[in-house]
């Protein structure tokens, strides 16, 4: 018996919610499967300057009191490293574009080659930086830093001789996760920093000596990077292995 157009329309209307629910259930199951599947480990060794193209780089300088070169990231003159120029009164950054890492081990080979010798001289290691934004220009304060929706800033305050982990949240001012830890990072000599960040456990060593062990929120995955302010630093190698 032929079905009238009115009856057919009624059948289609009745079936539409069922189809929508089925599609929603399929999508839910797909997302749950992705969440429970193990993320493949990723390992990379960046040698500089040849691997600088894997990083988003930039910075700013204070035109009124700078030397005209600060706020840049370039190949070193001898071609053996990446040169991050944070002097005078400048900030430079290098943030890796891939992967978004959660649990990982990281090694950084670097040398601080110049300091302004002010209280604000600093090296910051950016960890789990989710959806970062980059400063468009000078100057000071939180708007002059690399910000993120979520992440952790490991701040080596060279001018004050301390190291402190800070939580980055919603592109706002970062909040200290622990009291200041006294630590003097040597100037003019090569260093190797190793970082292990698993769940909410952060461990940092420099030249084989423990610097700090901290408990942190179990932040979501994000990018890794470096930021310097009022110092110049060369980086020859960064190794990253996710777990």
Protein backbone atom coordinates (compact mmCIF):
# COMPACT_ATOMS: atom_id res chain seq x y z
CA UNK A 1 0.00 0.00 0.00
CA UNK A 2 1.65 3.29 -0.96
CA UNK A 3 2.64 5.62 1.86
CA UNK A 4 1.28 9.12 1.62
CA UNK A 5 3.64 12.06 1.68
CA UNK A 6 2.16 13.12 5.02
CA UNK A 7 2.77 9.69 6.55
CA UNK A 8 6.31 9.59 5.14
CA UNK A 9 7.06 12.98 6.63
CA UNK A 10 5.78 11.80 10.00
CA UNK A 11 8.04 8.74 9.84
CA UNK A 12 11.08 10.88 9.02
CA UNK A 13 10.32 13.26 11.89
CA UNK A 14 9.96 10.37 14.30
CA UNK A 15 13.18 8.78 13.11
CA UNK A 16 15.26 11.98 13.27
CA UNK A 17 15.74 12.01 17.07
CA UNK A 18 16.73 8.32 16.98
CA UNK A 19 19.35 9.02 14.31
CA UNK A 20 20.67 12.01 16.24
CA UNK A 21 20.91 9.97 19.43
CA UNK A 22 22.71 7.18 17.60
CA UNK A 23 25.18 9.61 16.06
CA UNK A 24 25.80 11.22 19.46
CA UNK A 25 26.38 7.82 21.04
CA UNK A 26 28.84 6.88 18.30
CA UNK A 27 30.73 10.14 18.84
CA UNK A 28 30.78 9.60 22.62
CA UNK A 29 32.18 6.10 22.21
CA UNK A 30 34.82 7.37 19.80
CA UNK A 31 35.96 10.05 22.24
CA UNK A 32 36.04 7.61 25.15
CA UNK A 33 38.14 5.24 23.07
CA UNK A 34 40.59 8.03 22.27
CA UNK A 35 40.83 8.94 25.96
CA UNK A 36 41.57 5.37 27.03
CA UNK A 37 44.02 4.55 24.24
CA UNK A 38 47.69 4.94 25.25
CA UNK A 39 49.41 7.91 23.66
CA UNK A 40 52.46 6.75 21.68
CA UNK A 41 55.79 7.83 23.15
CA UNK A 42 57.58 10.56 21.25
CA UNK A 43 61.30 11.22 21.36
CA UNK A 44 63.25 14.00 19.67
CA UNK A 45 66.67 15.60 19.99
CA UNK A 46 66.92 19.17 18.72
CA UNK A 47 70.41 20.34 17.80
CA UNK A 48 70.88 24.04 17.28
CA UNK A 49 70.90 26.14 15.24
CA UNK A 50 69.70 23.68 12.57
CA UNK A 51 66.51 22.71 14.42
CA UNK A 52 65.36 26.24 15.22
CA UNK A 53 62.57 25.88 12.64
CA UNK A 54 60.80 23.51 15.07
CA UNK A 55 60.35 26.45 17.45
CA UNK A 56 58.29 29.60 17.48
CA UNK A 57 60.73 32.35 18.40
CA UNK A 58 60.56 36.05 19.04
CA UNK A 59 60.70 38.70 21.72
CA UNK A 60 60.76 42.42 22.36
CA UNK A 61 63.16 45.12 23.50
CA UNK A 62 62.75 48.42 25.24
CA UNK A 63 63.52 50.96 22.55
CA UNK A 64 64.20 53.67 25.10
CA UNK A 65 66.87 51.80 27.06
CA UNK A 66 67.95 48.84 24.92
CA UNK A 67 71.01 48.23 22.77
CA UNK A 68 69.13 47.54 19.53
CA UNK A 69 69.77 43.78 19.44
CA UNK A 70 67.64 42.42 22.28
CA UNK A 71 64.46 40.43 21.86
CA UNK A 72 65.83 38.18 19.11
CA UNK A 73 66.58 34.48 18.71
CA UNK A 74 69.23 33.71 16.09
CA UNK A 75 71.98 31.27 15.22
CA UNK A 76 75.13 31.90 17.25
CA UNK A 77 78.07 33.44 15.43
CA UNK A 78 80.07 30.20 15.65
CA UNK A 79 77.12 28.16 14.33
CA UNK A 80 77.02 25.79 17.31
CA UNK A 81 73.92 26.95 19.15
CA UNK A 82 70.78 29.06 19.28
CA UNK A 83 71.40 32.54 20.70
CA UNK A 84 68.60 34.01 22.82
CA UNK A 85 69.23 37.73 23.26
CA UNK A 86 67.53 39.25 26.30
CA UNK A 87 69.76 42.28 26.77
CA UNK A 88 69.58 45.14 27.26
CA UNK A 89 66.14 45.30 28.91
CA UNK A 90 64.68 42.75 26.53
CA UNK A 91 62.85 39.42 26.46
CA UNK A 92 63.35 36.51 24.04
CA UNK A 93 61.49 33.20 23.76
CA UNK A 94 61.61 29.89 21.91
CA UNK A 95 58.59 27.53 22.17
CA UNK A 96 58.50 24.15 20.45
CA UNK A 97 55.60 23.63 18.09
CA UNK A 98 55.10 19.89 18.66
CA UNK A 99 54.20 17.75 20.57
CA UNK A 100 51.81 18.70 23.35
CA UNK A 101 53.54 16.77 26.12
CA UNK A 102 52.13 15.60 29.45
CA UNK A 103 54.48 13.10 31.08
CA UNK A 104 58.01 13.60 29.82
CA UNK A 105 61.74 13.78 30.42
CA UNK A 106 63.66 16.74 29.06
CA UNK A 107 67.31 17.77 28.84
CA UNK A 108 68.58 21.27 28.02
CA UNK A 109 72.25 22.06 27.29
CA UNK A 110 72.83 25.80 27.68
CA UNK A 111 75.21 28.57 28.72
CA UNK A 112 74.33 31.96 30.16
CA UNK A 113 76.74 34.26 28.33
CA UNK A 114 75.59 37.69 29.48
CA UNK A 115 73.70 39.19 32.41
CA UNK A 116 72.60 42.71 33.21
CA UNK A 117 73.19 41.96 36.90
CA UNK A 118 69.80 43.33 37.94
CA UNK A 119 67.36 41.74 40.42
CA UNK A 120 65.07 40.77 37.51
CA UNK A 121 67.57 38.77 35.40
CA UNK A 122 65.80 35.46 34.73
CA UNK A 123 65.59 32.21 32.80
CA UNK A 124 62.14 30.61 32.60
CA UNK A 125 61.43 27.06 31.42
CA UNK A 126 57.90 26.71 30.03
CA UNK A 127 56.25 23.34 30.68
CA UNK A 128 52.86 21.96 29.54
CA UNK A 129 52.05 25.29 27.95
CA UNK A 130 48.57 24.82 26.49
CA UNK A 131 47.38 27.22 23.76
CA UNK A 132 50.18 29.76 24.33
CA UNK A 133 50.02 33.39 23.29
CA UNK A 134 53.10 35.46 22.53
CA UNK A 135 53.92 39.06 23.45
CA UNK A 136 53.45 41.45 20.57
CA UNK A 137 55.88 44.01 21.92
CA UNK A 138 57.45 45.79 24.85
CA UNK A 139 57.14 45.84 27.80
CA UNK A 140 57.16 44.68 31.35
CA UNK A 141 54.64 42.75 33.43
CA UNK A 142 52.54 39.72 32.58
CA UNK A 143 51.50 41.05 29.17
CA UNK A 144 55.13 41.01 28.09
CA UNK A 145 55.54 37.28 28.74
CA UNK A 146 54.53 34.11 26.94
CA UNK A 147 51.12 33.27 28.43
CA UNK A 148 48.95 30.14 28.29
CA UNK A 149 45.51 28.81 29.06
CA UNK A 150 47.25 26.33 31.35
CA UNK A 151 50.84 25.53 32.13
CA UNK A 152 53.80 25.80 34.46
CA UNK A 153 56.62 28.37 34.53
CA UNK A 154 59.85 27.23 36.20
CA UNK A 155 61.45 30.56 37.04
CA UNK A 156 65.20 30.72 37.67
CA UNK A 157 65.52 34.19 39.16
CA UNK A 158 69.22 34.78 38.61
CA UNK A 159 69.15 38.25 40.09
CA UNK A 160 67.79 37.01 43.41
CA UNK A 161 69.34 33.53 43.44
CA UNK A 162 66.11 31.51 43.61
CA UNK A 163 64.04 29.03 41.60
CA UNK A 164 60.25 28.76 41.84
CA UNK A 165 57.49 26.90 39.97
CA UNK A 166 54.51 29.07 38.99
CA UNK A 167 51.14 27.97 37.67
CA UNK A 168 49.90 29.63 34.50
CA UNK A 169 46.10 29.77 34.18
CA UNK A 170 43.70 31.52 31.82
CA UNK A 171 46.37 33.91 30.51
CA UNK A 172 46.40 35.70 33.84
CA UNK A 173 49.10 36.44 36.41
CA UNK A 174 50.99 33.30 37.38
CA UNK A 175 50.73 31.98 40.95
CA UNK A 176 53.64 30.48 42.92
CA UNK A 177 53.15 26.79 43.72
CA UNK A 178 55.88 26.66 46.35
CA UNK A 179 58.10 28.93 48.44
CA UNK A 180 61.24 30.34 46.83
CA UNK A 181 64.07 27.79 46.71
CA UNK A 182 67.57 29.28 47.04
CA UNK A 183 69.64 28.38 43.99
CA UNK A 184 72.48 30.10 42.16
CA UNK A 185 72.76 29.25 38.46
CA UNK A 186 76.35 29.72 37.34
CA UNK A 187 77.20 32.31 34.70
CA UNK A 188 79.60 31.78 31.78
CA UNK A 189 79.81 27.99 31.98
CA UNK A 190 77.97 25.18 30.16
CA UNK A 191 75.10 23.56 32.05
CA UNK A 192 72.90 20.51 31.52
CA UNK A 193 69.43 20.76 33.01
CA UNK A 194 67.27 17.64 33.30
CA UNK A 195 63.54 17.83 33.98
CA UNK A 196 61.14 15.00 34.77
CA UNK A 197 57.46 15.95 34.83
CA UNK A 198 55.09 13.04 35.48
CA UNK A 199 51.53 13.62 36.63
CA UNK A 200 51.85 16.15 39.45
CA UNK A 201 55.50 15.40 40.21
CA UNK A 202 58.23 17.76 38.94
CA UNK A 203 61.93 17.02 39.45
CA UNK A 204 64.74 19.29 38.24
CA UNK A 205 68.51 18.72 38.27
CA UNK A 206 71.34 20.88 36.94
CA UNK A 207 74.70 19.29 36.18
CA UNK A 208 73.62 16.14 37.99
CA UNK A 209 72.76 17.97 41.23
CA UNK A 210 69.13 18.12 42.45
CA UNK A 211 67.67 21.62 42.29
CA UNK A 212 64.12 20.95 43.44
CA UNK A 213 61.32 18.43 43.79
CA UNK A 214 57.79 19.80 43.74
CA UNK A 215 54.20 18.61 43.78
CA UNK A 216 52.04 20.43 41.24
CA UNK A 217 48.49 20.23 39.89
CA UNK A 218 48.17 17.52 37.24
CA UNK A 219 48.01 20.05 34.43
CA UNK A 220 46.89 19.12 30.94
CA UNK A 221 49.32 18.54 28.10
CA UNK A 222 51.05 21.45 26.44
CA UNK A 223 54.18 22.70 24.72
CA UNK A 224 57.69 23.21 26.11
CA UNK A 225 59.89 26.25 25.70
CA UNK A 226 62.34 28.79 27.08
CA UNK A 227 62.13 32.47 27.92
CA UNK A 228 64.97 34.81 28.94
CA UNK A 229 64.79 38.31 30.35
CA UNK A 230 67.81 40.61 30.82
CA UNK A 231 70.21 37.78 30.05
CA UNK A 232 71.73 36.31 26.88
CA UNK A 233 71.82 32.52 26.62
CA UNK A 234 73.05 29.98 24.10
CA UNK A 235 71.26 26.64 23.74
CA UNK A 236 73.02 23.82 21.91
CA UNK A 237 70.64 20.92 22.50
CA UNK A 238 67.15 20.10 23.81
CA UNK A 239 66.06 16.48 24.12
CA UNK A 240 62.44 15.56 24.83
CA UNK A 241 60.97 12.11 25.46
CA UNK A 242 57.31 11.66 26.31
CA UNK A 243 56.09 8.70 28.34
